[in-house]
Amino acid sequence: MLSDSPSTGADAGAGAEGPVSTEPEGAVGLSIYPVTGVGEINPGDDLAALLVAALAPGPSVHPPVPGGLRDGDVLVVTQKVVSKAEGRLVELDATDPDAKRRLVEQESVRILRRRGELLISETPHGFICANAGVDLSNVAAGTAALLPVDSDRSARGIREALEHRYGVSVGVVVSDTFGRPWRQGVTDVAIGIAGVAGVIDLRGTADAYGRILDVTEVCVADELAGAAELVMGKDRGIPAAVVRGVDPSWLRPSSVAAEIVRPPAEDLFR
């Protein structure tokens, strides 16, 4: 456990570490904590180290997550800070109306739809999204952020750094904001994962009435990303959140590319 005190094991979460749970045995619940105090991320920064510094700031500072980061937690990190740390920033001439379009086309393997300045494209990752994930928000003027080259690899890198350097075993989700066909508004989804399931397959299990489920597969990684966004927000400068209390069976080797991206042959709309 990465913590601001030496307490571990059964003592974690008790006394000064945080409130003792009074939930009945067997109760299921999640706690979600925003990771504050990270600061601005720049190309080349050690993102894992900066997250650790925020999560365990020292005995004189109250940590944003009770007890610090613990084994079994899931750390959700926004794509924007991952892209910044990995140097996925490019200059963009704001006076050139076609500059963003050219950049989106450069970051796409194909364009599916166009409407004005909006392009729906497929990225090399297999994502179908607006403007190939090219983002001008929360970056310096004249700059655009691109998606990580391999978001699963980015998640694995953060997870391995936390485990090897700080002795804590967690799941990691790299999240980004996506729209959804046929629905208004946006939500955060997982574009990279490590150590936490992408999809939980419930086929062959029984529902509450004893009927066998034939098709149900739950994208828990997207649900974790969306839940974490509720405490991070879009305009608060909070780049990460810790989700505590996930089912231990979800903590396993995983990949967005292998589990979540739908193959074109199974897509009714391509």
C-alpha atoms as a PDB file:
ATOM      1  CA  MET A   1       0.000   0.000   0.000  1.00  0.00           C
ATOM      2  CA  LEU A   2       1.267   3.446  -0.940  1.00  0.00           C
ATOM      3  CA  SER A   3       0.269   5.536   2.058  1.00  0.00           C
ATOM      4  CA  ASP A   4       1.128   8.577   4.126  1.00  0.00           C
ATOM      5  CA  SER A   5       1.647   6.318   7.154  1.00  0.00           C
ATOM      6  CA  PRO A   6       3.239   2.919   7.778  1.00  0.00           C
ATOM      7  CA  SER A   7      -0.087   1.202   8.510  1.00  0.00           C
ATOM      8  CA  THR A   8      -0.854  -1.727   6.217  1.00  0.00           C
ATOM      9  CA  GLY A   9      -3.125  -4.708   5.906  1.00  0.00           C
ATOM     10  CA  ALA A  10      -6.044  -4.885   8.319  1.00  0.00           C
ATOM     11  CA  ASP A  11      -5.120  -1.524   9.871  1.00  0.00           C
ATOM     12  CA  ALA A  12      -5.533   0.344   6.575  1.00  0.00           C
ATOM     13  CA  GLY A  13      -8.608   2.566   6.574  1.00  0.00           C
ATOM     14  CA  ALA A  14      -8.915   2.626  10.361  1.00  0.00           C
ATOM     15  CA  GLY A  15      -8.192   5.411  12.840  1.00  0.00           C
ATOM     16  CA  ALA A  16      -6.156   8.237  11.324  1.00  0.00           C
ATOM     17  CA  GLU A  17      -6.178   6.484   7.949  1.00  0.00           C
ATOM     18  CA  GLY A  18      -9.917   7.074   7.517  1.00  0.00           C
ATOM     19  CA  PRO A  19     -13.295   6.031   8.879  1.00  0.00           C
ATOM     20  CA  VAL A  20     -13.927   2.441   9.851  1.00  0.00           C
ATOM     21  CA  SER A  21     -16.561   0.880   7.585  1.00  0.00           C
ATOM     22  CA  THR A  22     -19.923   0.268   9.254  1.00  0.00           C
ATOM     23  CA  GLU A  23     -21.490  -1.376   6.214  1.00  0.00           C
ATOM     24  CA  PRO A  24     -23.001  -4.828   6.765  1.00  0.00           C
ATOM     25  CA  GLU A  25     -20.829  -7.734   5.752  1.00  0.00           C
ATOM     26  CA  GLY A  26     -21.234  -8.479   2.051  1.00  0.00           C
ATOM     27  CA  ALA A  27     -22.399  -4.962   1.136  1.00  0.00           C
ATOM     28  CA  VAL A  28     -21.099  -3.727  -2.195  1.00  0.00           C
ATOM     29  CA  GLY A  29     -20.166  -0.111  -2.813  1.00  0.00           C
ATOM     30  CA  LEU A  30     -17.645   2.095  -4.568  1.00  0.00           C
ATOM     31  CA  SER A  31     -15.795   5.172  -3.323  1.00  0.00           C
ATOM     32  CA  ILE A  32     -14.384   7.662  -5.845  1.00  0.00           C
ATOM     33  CA  TYR A  33     -11.766  10.225  -4.865  1.00  0.00           C
ATOM     34  CA  PRO A  34     -10.396  13.081  -7.014  1.00  0.00           C
ATOM     35  CA  VAL A  35      -6.584  13.259  -7.044  1.00  0.00           C
ATOM     36  CA  THR A  36      -5.821  16.926  -6.379  1.00  0.00           C
ATOM     37  CA  GLY A  37      -2.500  18.733  -6.171  1.00  0.00           C
ATOM     38  CA  VAL A  38      -0.861  17.212  -9.266  1.00  0.00           C
ATOM     39  CA  GLY A  39      -0.165  20.509 -10.997  1.00  0.00           C
ATOM     40  CA  GLU A  40       0.621  21.196 -14.648  1.00  0.00           C
ATOM     41  CA  ILE A  41       2.081  18.305 -16.655  1.00  0.00           C
ATOM     42  CA  ASN A  42       4.801  18.983 -19.212  1.00  0.00           C
ATOM     43  CA  PRO A  43       6.389  16.812 -21.916  1.00  0.00           C
ATOM     44  CA  GLY A  44       8.871  14.378 -20.380  1.00  0.00           C
ATOM     45  CA  ASP A  45       7.418  14.541 -16.870  1.00  0.00           C
ATOM     46  CA  ASP A  46       7.346  11.342 -14.824  1.00  0.00           C
ATOM     47  CA  LEU A  47       3.574  11.137 -14.547  1.00  0.00           C
ATOM     48  CA  ALA A  48       3.559   8.194 -12.132  1.00  0.00           C
ATOM     49  CA  ALA A  49       5.911  10.015  -9.764  1.00  0.00           C
ATOM     50  CA  LEU A  50       3.780  13.171  -9.854  1.00  0.00           C
ATOM     51  CA  LEU A  51       0.644  11.166  -9.119  1.00  0.00           C
ATOM     52  CA  VAL A  52       2.379   9.459  -6.203  1.00  0.00           C
ATOM     53  CA  ALA A  53       3.556  12.810  -4.837  1.00  0.00           C
ATOM     54  CA  ALA A  54      -0.060  14.019  -4.878  1.00  0.00           C
ATOM     55  CA  LEU A  55      -1.445  10.797  -3.389  1.00  0.00           C
ATOM     56  CA  ALA A  56       1.093  10.612  -0.540  1.00  0.00           C
ATOM     57  CA  PRO A  57       2.117  14.232   0.107  1.00  0.00           C
ATOM     58  CA  GLY A  58       3.703  13.622   3.520  1.00  0.00           C
ATOM     59  CA  PRO A  59       2.603  13.410   7.159  1.00  0.00           C
ATOM     60  CA  SER A  60       1.812  17.119   7.471  1.00  0.00           C
ATOM     61  CA  VAL A  61      -0.582  17.216   4.493  1.00  0.00           C
ATOM     62  CA  HIS A  62      -3.908  15.407   4.344  1.00  0.00           C
ATOM     63  CA  PRO A  63      -3.873  13.100   1.287  1.00  0.00           C
ATOM     64  CA  PRO A  64      -6.679  13.446  -1.260  1.00  0.00           C
ATOM     65  CA  VAL A  65      -7.388   9.706  -0.983  1.00  0.00           C
ATOM     66  CA  PRO A  66      -7.837   8.224   2.514  1.00  0.00           C
ATOM     67  CA  GLY A  67      -4.866   6.030   3.341  1.00  0.00           C
ATOM     68  CA  GLY A  68      -3.148   6.771   0.046  1.00  0.00           C
ATOM     69  CA  LEU A  69      -3.231   4.421  -2.932  1.00  0.00           C
ATOM     70  CA  ARG A  70      -3.964   0.808  -1.942  1.00  0.00           C
ATOM     71  CA  ASP A  71      -3.708  -2.590  -3.574  1.00  0.00           C
ATOM     72  CA  GLY A  72      -6.910  -3.245  -5.498  1.00  0.00           C
ATOM     73  CA  ASP A  73      -7.688   0.413  -6.222  1.00  0.00           C
ATOM     74  CA  VAL A  74      -8.275   1.546  -9.800  1.00  0.00           C
ATOM     75  CA  LEU A  75      -6.485   4.740 -10.840  1.00  0.00           C
ATOM     76  CA  VAL A  76      -8.244   6.600 -13.664  1.00  0.00           C
ATOM     77  CA  VAL A  77      -6.002   9.108 -15.473  1.00  0.00           C
ATOM     78  CA  THR A  78      -7.173  11.503 -18.164  1.00  0.00           C
ATOM     79  CA  GLN A  79      -5.820  11.191 -21.673  1.00  0.00           C
ATOM     80  CA  LYS A  80      -4.814  14.849 -21.665  1.00  0.00           C
ATOM     81  CA  VAL A  81      -2.127  14.511 -18.988  1.00  0.00           C
ATOM     82  CA  VAL A  82      -0.898  11.233 -20.466  1.00  0.00           C
ATOM     83  CA  SER A  83      -0.548  12.907 -23.863  1.00  0.00           C
ATOM     84  CA  LYS A  84       1.220  15.890 -22.312  1.00  0.00           C
ATOM     85  CA  ALA A  85       3.713  13.701 -20.421  1.00  0.00           C
ATOM     86  CA  GLU A  86       4.379  11.665 -23.573  1.00  0.00           C
ATOM     87  CA  GLY A  87       4.950  14.797 -25.664  1.00  0.00           C
ATOM     88  CA  ARG A  88       1.899  14.300 -27.864  1.00  0.00           C
ATOM     89  CA  LEU A  89       1.499  18.043 -28.383  1.00  0.00           C
ATOM     90  CA  VAL A  90       1.774  19.828 -31.720  1.00  0.00           C
ATOM     91  CA  GLU A  91       1.653  23.438 -32.792  1.00  0.00           C
ATOM     92  CA  LEU A  92      -1.554  24.519 -34.524  1.00  0.00           C
ATOM     93  CA  ASP A  93      -2.003  27.818 -36.326  1.00  0.00           C
ATOM     94  CA  ALA A  94      -5.256  29.203 -34.997  1.00  0.00           C
ATOM     95  CA  THR A  95      -5.396  31.711 -37.879  1.00  0.00           C
ATOM     96  CA  ASP A  96      -5.509  28.906 -40.462  1.00  0.00           C
ATOM     97  CA  PRO A  97      -9.092  27.556 -40.646  1.00  0.00           C
ATOM     98  CA  ASP A  98      -7.914  24.385 -42.376  1.00  0.00           C
ATOM     99  CA  ALA A  99      -5.089  23.580 -39.961  1.00  0.00           C
ATOM    100  CA  LYS A 100      -7.206  21.465 -37.623  1.00  0.00           C
ATOM    101  CA  ARG A 101      -8.844  19.620 -40.509  1.00  0.00           C
ATOM    102  CA  ARG A 102      -5.454  18.691 -41.935  1.00  0.00           C
ATOM    103  CA  LEU A 103      -4.274  17.528 -38.518  1.00  0.00           C
ATOM    104  CA  VAL A 104      -7.404  15.410 -38.000  1.00  0.00           C
ATOM    105  CA  GLU A 105      -6.949  13.806 -41.403  1.00  0.00           C
ATOM    106  CA  GLN A 106      -3.297  13.135 -40.561  1.00  0.00           C
ATOM    107  CA  GLU A 107      -4.320  11.371 -37.324  1.00  0.00           C
ATOM    108  CA  SER A 108      -7.038   9.273 -39.037  1.00  0.00           C
ATOM    109  CA  VAL A 109      -6.921   6.080 -41.031  1.00  0.00           C
ATOM    110  CA  ARG A 110     -10.223   7.034 -42.655  1.00  0.00           C
ATOM    111  CA  ILE A 111     -12.968   9.652 -42.454  1.00  0.00           C
ATOM    112  CA  LEU A 112     -16.482   8.308 -41.953  1.00  0.00           C
ATOM    113  CA  ARG A 113     -18.576  11.494 -41.914  1.00  0.00           C
ATOM    114  CA  ARG A 114     -18.115  15.248 -42.356  1.00  0.00           C
ATOM    115  CA  ARG A 115     -20.384  18.055 -41.199  1.00  0.00           C
ATOM    116  CA  GLY A 116     -18.882  21.535 -41.248  1.00  0.00           C
ATOM    117  CA  GLU A 117     -15.769  21.474 -39.068  1.00  0.00           C
ATOM    118  CA  LEU A 118     -16.767  18.168 -37.445  1.00  0.00           C
ATOM    119  CA  LEU A 119     -15.215  14.992 -38.772  1.00  0.00           C
ATOM    120  CA  ILE A 120     -16.047  11.513 -37.519  1.00  0.00           C
ATOM    121  CA  SER A 121     -12.989   9.414 -38.155  1.00  0.00           C
ATOM    122  CA  GLU A 122     -11.299   6.139 -37.329  1.00  0.00           C
ATOM    123  CA  THR A 123      -7.955   6.408 -35.567  1.00  0.00           C
ATOM    124  CA  PRO A 124      -5.059   3.941 -35.867  1.00  0.00           C
ATOM    125  CA  HIS A 125      -6.212   2.570 -32.485  1.00  0.00           C
ATOM    126  CA  GLY A 126      -9.553   1.547 -34.025  1.00  0.00           C
ATOM    127  CA  PHE A 127     -11.509   4.262 -32.192  1.00  0.00           C
ATOM    128  CA  ILE A 128     -14.433   5.853 -34.033  1.00  0.00           C
ATOM    129  CA  CYS A 129     -14.599   9.370 -32.632  1.00  0.00           C
ATOM    130  CA  ALA A 130     -14.905  13.065 -33.366  1.00  0.00           C
ATOM    131  CA  ASN A 131     -11.875  14.714 -34.971  1.00  0.00           C
ATOM    132  CA  ALA A 132      -9.573  11.719 -34.331  1.00  0.00           C
ATOM    133  CA  GLY A 133      -9.312  12.756 -30.689  1.00  0.00           C
ATOM    134  CA  VAL A 134      -7.475  15.978 -31.579  1.00  0.00           C
ATOM    135  CA  ASP A 135      -8.190  18.328 -28.678  1.00  0.00           C
ATOM    136  CA  LEU A 136      -7.604  22.052 -28.179  1.00  0.00           C
ATOM    137  CA  SER A 137      -8.988  22.287 -24.622  1.00  0.00           C
ATOM    138  CA  ASN A 138      -6.796  22.510 -21.520  1.00  0.00           C
ATOM    139  CA  VAL A 139      -3.656  23.114 -23.573  1.00  0.00           C
ATOM    140  CA  ALA A 140      -1.762  26.313 -24.377  1.00  0.00           C
ATOM    141  CA  ALA A 141      -3.045  28.531 -27.183  1.00  0.00           C
ATOM    142  CA  GLY A 142      -1.648  27.500 -30.541  1.00  0.00           C
ATOM    143  CA  THR A 143      -1.284  23.904 -29.350  1.00  0.00           C
ATOM    144  CA  ALA A 144      -3.278  20.715 -29.938  1.00  0.00           C
ATOM    145  CA  ALA A 145      -3.122  17.483 -27.963  1.00  0.00           C
ATOM    146  CA  LEU A 146      -3.115  14.169 -29.821  1.00  0.00           C
ATOM    147  CA  LEU A 147      -4.096  10.779 -28.480  1.00  0.00           C
ATOM    148  CA  PRO A 148      -1.295   8.614 -27.052  1.00  0.00           C
ATOM    149  CA  VAL A 149       0.265   6.387 -29.696  1.00  0.00           C
ATOM    150  CA  ASP A 150      -0.707   3.279 -27.689  1.00  0.00           C
ATOM    151  CA  SER A 151      -3.051   4.002 -24.785  1.00  0.00           C
ATOM    152  CA  ASP A 152      -2.890   0.437 -23.447  1.00  0.00           C
ATOM    153  CA  ARG A 153       0.906   0.744 -23.308  1.00  0.00           C
ATOM    154  CA  SER A 154       0.535   4.080 -21.525  1.00  0.00           C
ATOM    155  CA  ALA A 155      -1.706   2.472 -18.898  1.00  0.00           C
ATOM    156  CA  ARG A 156       0.731  -0.427 -18.473  1.00  0.00           C
ATOM    157  CA  GLY A 157       3.622   1.983 -18.003  1.00  0.00           C
ATOM    158  CA  ILE A 158       1.861   3.848 -15.196  1.00  0.00           C
ATOM    159  CA  ARG A 159       0.789   0.603 -13.538  1.00  0.00           C
ATOM    160  CA  GLU A 160       4.256  -0.946 -13.721  1.00  0.00           C
ATOM    161  CA  ALA A 161       5.878   2.198 -12.319  1.00  0.00           C
ATOM    162  CA  LEU A 162       3.481   2.199  -9.373  1.00  0.00           C
ATOM    163  CA  GLU A 163       4.058  -1.491  -8.703  1.00  0.00           C
ATOM    164  CA  HIS A 164       7.831  -1.622  -9.142  1.00  0.00           C
ATOM    165  CA  ARG A 165       8.770   1.701  -7.588  1.00  0.00           C
ATOM    166  CA  TYR A 166       6.084   2.167  -4.984  1.00  0.00           C
ATOM    167  CA  GLY A 167       4.970  -1.366  -4.126  1.00  0.00           C
ATOM    168  CA  VAL A 168       1.271  -1.001  -4.891  1.00  0.00           C
ATOM    169  CA  SER A 169      -0.748  -3.164  -7.296  1.00  0.00           C
ATOM    170  CA  VAL A 170      -3.628  -1.275  -8.909  1.00  0.00           C
ATOM    171  CA  GLY A 171      -5.664  -1.200 -12.065  1.00  0.00           C
ATOM    172  CA  VAL A 172      -5.110   1.760 -14.387  1.00  0.00           C
ATOM    173  CA  VAL A 173      -7.566   3.308 -16.836  1.00  0.00           C
ATOM    174  CA  VAL A 174      -6.648   6.046 -19.312  1.00  0.00           C
ATOM    175  CA  SER A 175      -9.891   7.923 -19.982  1.00  0.00           C
ATOM    176  CA  ASP A 176     -11.064  10.298 -22.679  1.00  0.00           C
ATOM    177  CA  THR A 177     -14.299  12.075 -23.549  1.00  0.00           C
ATOM    178  CA  PHE A 178     -16.397  10.536 -26.308  1.00  0.00           C
ATOM    179  CA  GLY A 179     -19.790  11.249 -27.794  1.00  0.00           C
ATOM    180  CA  ARG A 180     -22.233   8.399 -28.440  1.00  0.00           C
ATOM    181  CA  PRO A 181     -24.234   7.774 -31.631  1.00  0.00           C
ATOM    182  CA  TRP A 182     -27.952   8.523 -31.190  1.00  0.00           C
ATOM    183  CA  ARG A 183     -27.468  10.129 -27.772  1.00  0.00           C
ATOM    184  CA  GLN A 184     -26.862  13.736 -26.737  1.00  0.00           C
ATOM    185  CA  GLY A 185     -23.951  14.724 -24.509  1.00  0.00           C
ATOM    186  CA  VAL A 186     -20.566  13.199 -23.869  1.00  0.00           C
ATOM    187  CA  THR A 187     -19.122  10.834 -21.303  1.00  0.00           C
ATOM    188  CA  ASP A 188     -15.685   9.521 -20.452  1.00  0.00           C
ATOM    189  CA  VAL A 189     -14.667   6.097 -21.709  1.00  0.00           C
ATOM    190  CA  ALA A 190     -11.555   3.953 -21.390  1.00  0.00           C
ATOM    191  CA  ILE A 191      -9.042   4.287 -24.234  1.00  0.00           C
ATOM    192  CA  GLY A 192      -6.311   2.372 -22.394  1.00  0.00           C
ATOM    193  CA  ILE A 193      -6.358  -0.112 -19.525  1.00  0.00           C
ATOM    194  CA  ALA A 194      -3.943  -2.247 -17.524  1.00  0.00           C
ATOM    195  CA  GLY A 195      -4.638  -4.601 -14.647  1.00  0.00           C
ATOM    196  CA  VAL A 196      -8.410  -4.111 -14.751  1.00  0.00           C
ATOM    197  CA  ALA A 197     -10.934  -5.815 -17.000  1.00  0.00           C
ATOM    198  CA  GLY A 198     -12.279  -4.125 -20.077  1.00  0.00           C
ATOM    199  CA  VAL A 199     -15.363  -6.297 -20.468  1.00  0.00           C
ATOM    200  CA  ILE A 200     -16.997  -8.673 -17.994  1.00  0.00           C
ATOM    201  CA  ASP A 201     -18.719 -11.539 -19.795  1.00  0.00           C
ATOM    202  CA  LEU A 202     -21.955 -12.508 -18.036  1.00  0.00           C
ATOM    203  CA  ARG A 203     -23.148 -14.891 -20.736  1.00  0.00           C
ATOM    204  CA  GLY A 204     -24.160 -18.204 -19.236  1.00  0.00           C
ATOM    205  CA  THR A 205     -24.904 -16.744 -15.802  1.00  0.00           C
ATOM    206  CA  ALA A 206     -28.381 -16.363 -14.335  1.00  0.00           C
ATOM    207  CA  ASP A 207     -30.257 -13.110 -13.829  1.00  0.00           C
ATOM    208  CA  ALA A 208     -32.242 -12.252 -10.679  1.00  0.00           C
ATOM    209  CA  TYR A 209     -35.125 -14.426 -11.918  1.00  0.00           C
ATOM    210  CA  GLY A 210     -32.938 -17.398 -12.750  1.00  0.00           C
ATOM    211  CA  ARG A 211     -32.999 -16.874 -16.511  1.00  0.00           C
ATOM    212  CA  ILE A 212     -29.706 -17.565 -18.295  1.00  0.00           C
ATOM    213  CA  LEU A 213     -28.119 -14.515 -19.911  1.00  0.00           C
ATOM    214  CA  ASP A 214     -27.275 -15.077 -23.574  1.00  0.00           C
ATOM    215  CA  VAL A 215     -25.673 -11.822 -24.758  1.00  0.00           C
ATOM    216  CA  THR A 216     -24.796  -9.652 -21.757  1.00  0.00           C
ATOM    217  CA  GLU A 217     -21.233  -8.331 -21.711  1.00  0.00           C
ATOM    218  CA  VAL A 218     -20.579  -5.302 -19.484  1.00  0.00           C
ATOM    219  CA  CYS A 219     -17.858  -2.776 -20.378  1.00  0.00           C
ATOM    220  CA  VAL A 220     -16.767  -2.099 -16.814  1.00  0.00           C
ATOM    221  CA  ALA A 221     -13.711  -0.094 -17.930  1.00  0.00           C
ATOM    222  CA  ASP A 222     -15.972   2.503 -19.579  1.00  0.00           C
ATOM    223  CA  GLU A 223     -18.191   2.550 -16.489  1.00  0.00           C
ATOM    224  CA  LEU A 224     -15.171   3.201 -14.257  1.00  0.00           C
ATOM    225  CA  ALA A 225     -13.996   6.000 -16.558  1.00  0.00           C
ATOM    226  CA  GLY A 226     -17.434   7.636 -16.558  1.00  0.00           C
ATOM    227  CA  ALA A 227     -17.762   7.336 -12.781  1.00  0.00           C
ATOM    228  CA  ALA A 228     -14.327   8.885 -12.226  1.00  0.00           C
ATOM    229  CA  GLU A 229     -15.158  11.832 -14.489  1.00  0.00           C
ATOM    230  CA  LEU A 230     -17.958  12.830 -12.111  1.00  0.00           C
ATOM    231  CA  VAL A 231     -15.362  13.882  -9.528  1.00  0.00           C
ATOM    232  CA  MET A 232     -12.739  15.171 -11.990  1.00  0.00           C
ATOM    233  CA  GLY A 233     -14.910  17.373 -14.198  1.00  0.00           C
ATOM    234  CA  LYS A 234     -13.843  19.151 -17.368  1.00  0.00           C
ATOM    235  CA  ASP A 235     -12.795  22.498 -15.917  1.00  0.00           C
ATOM    236  CA  ARG A 236     -11.354  21.772 -12.453  1.00  0.00           C
ATOM    237  CA  GLY A 237      -7.787  20.842 -13.402  1.00  0.00           C
ATOM    238  CA  ILE A 238      -8.107  17.424 -11.731  1.00  0.00           C
ATOM    239  CA  PRO A 239      -6.308  14.863 -13.934  1.00  0.00           C
ATOM    240  CA  ALA A 240      -6.970  11.624 -12.057  1.00  0.00           C
ATOM    241  CA  ALA A 241      -9.268   9.835  -9.647  1.00  0.00           C
ATOM    242  CA  VAL A 242      -9.093   6.691  -7.536  1.00  0.00           C
ATOM    243  CA  VAL A 243     -11.980   4.234  -7.585  1.00  0.00           C
ATOM    244  CA  ARG A 244     -11.988   2.025  -4.505  1.00  0.00           C
ATOM    245  CA  GLY A 245     -14.063  -1.094  -3.887  1.00  0.00           C
ATOM    246  CA  VAL A 246     -14.141  -2.715  -7.340  1.00  0.00           C
ATOM    247  CA  ASP A 247     -14.798  -6.428  -7.530  1.00  0.00           C
ATOM    248  CA  PRO A 248     -11.412  -8.174  -7.114  1.00  0.00           C
ATOM    249  CA  SER A 249     -12.292 -10.482 -10.011  1.00  0.00           C
ATOM    250  CA  TRP A 250     -12.058  -7.471 -12.337  1.00  0.00           C
ATOM    251  CA  LEU A 251      -8.355  -7.045 -11.567  1.00  0.00           C
ATOM    252  CA  ARG A 252      -6.648  -9.003 -14.310  1.00  0.00           C
ATOM    253  CA  PRO A 253      -4.537  -8.518 -17.473  1.00  0.00           C
ATOM    254  CA  SER A 254      -6.505  -6.531 -20.007  1.00  0.00           C
ATOM    255  CA  SER A 255      -6.476  -4.369 -23.128  1.00  0.00           C
ATOM    256  CA  VAL A 256      -8.859  -1.899 -24.758  1.00  0.00           C
ATOM    257  CA  ALA A 257      -7.622  -2.967 -28.177  1.00  0.00           C
ATOM    258  CA  ALA A 258      -8.334  -6.644 -27.496  1.00  0.00           C
ATOM    259  CA  GLU A 259     -11.506  -6.389 -25.412  1.00  0.00           C
ATOM    260  CA  ILE A 260     -13.399  -3.181 -26.159  1.00  0.00           C
ATOM    261  CA  VAL A 261     -12.788  -2.052 -29.751  1.00  0.00           C
ATOM    262  CA  ARG A 262     -15.446  -3.787 -31.863  1.00  0.00           C
ATOM    263  CA  PRO A 263     -14.038  -5.541 -34.936  1.00  0.00           C
ATOM    264  CA  PRO A 264     -15.413  -4.080 -38.213  1.00  0.00           C
ATOM    265  CA  ALA A 265     -16.853  -7.482 -39.161  1.00  0.00           C
ATOM    266  CA  GLU A 266     -19.132  -7.300 -36.099  1.00  0.00           C
ATOM    267  CA  ASP A 267     -20.162  -3.673 -36.658  1.00  0.00           C
ATOM    268  CA  LEU A 268     -23.582  -3.286 -38.312  1.00  0.00           C
ATOM    269  CA  PHE A 269     -22.899   0.362 -39.243  1.00  0.00           C
ATOM    270  CA  ARG A 270     -19.595   0.058 -41.091  1.00  0.00           C
END
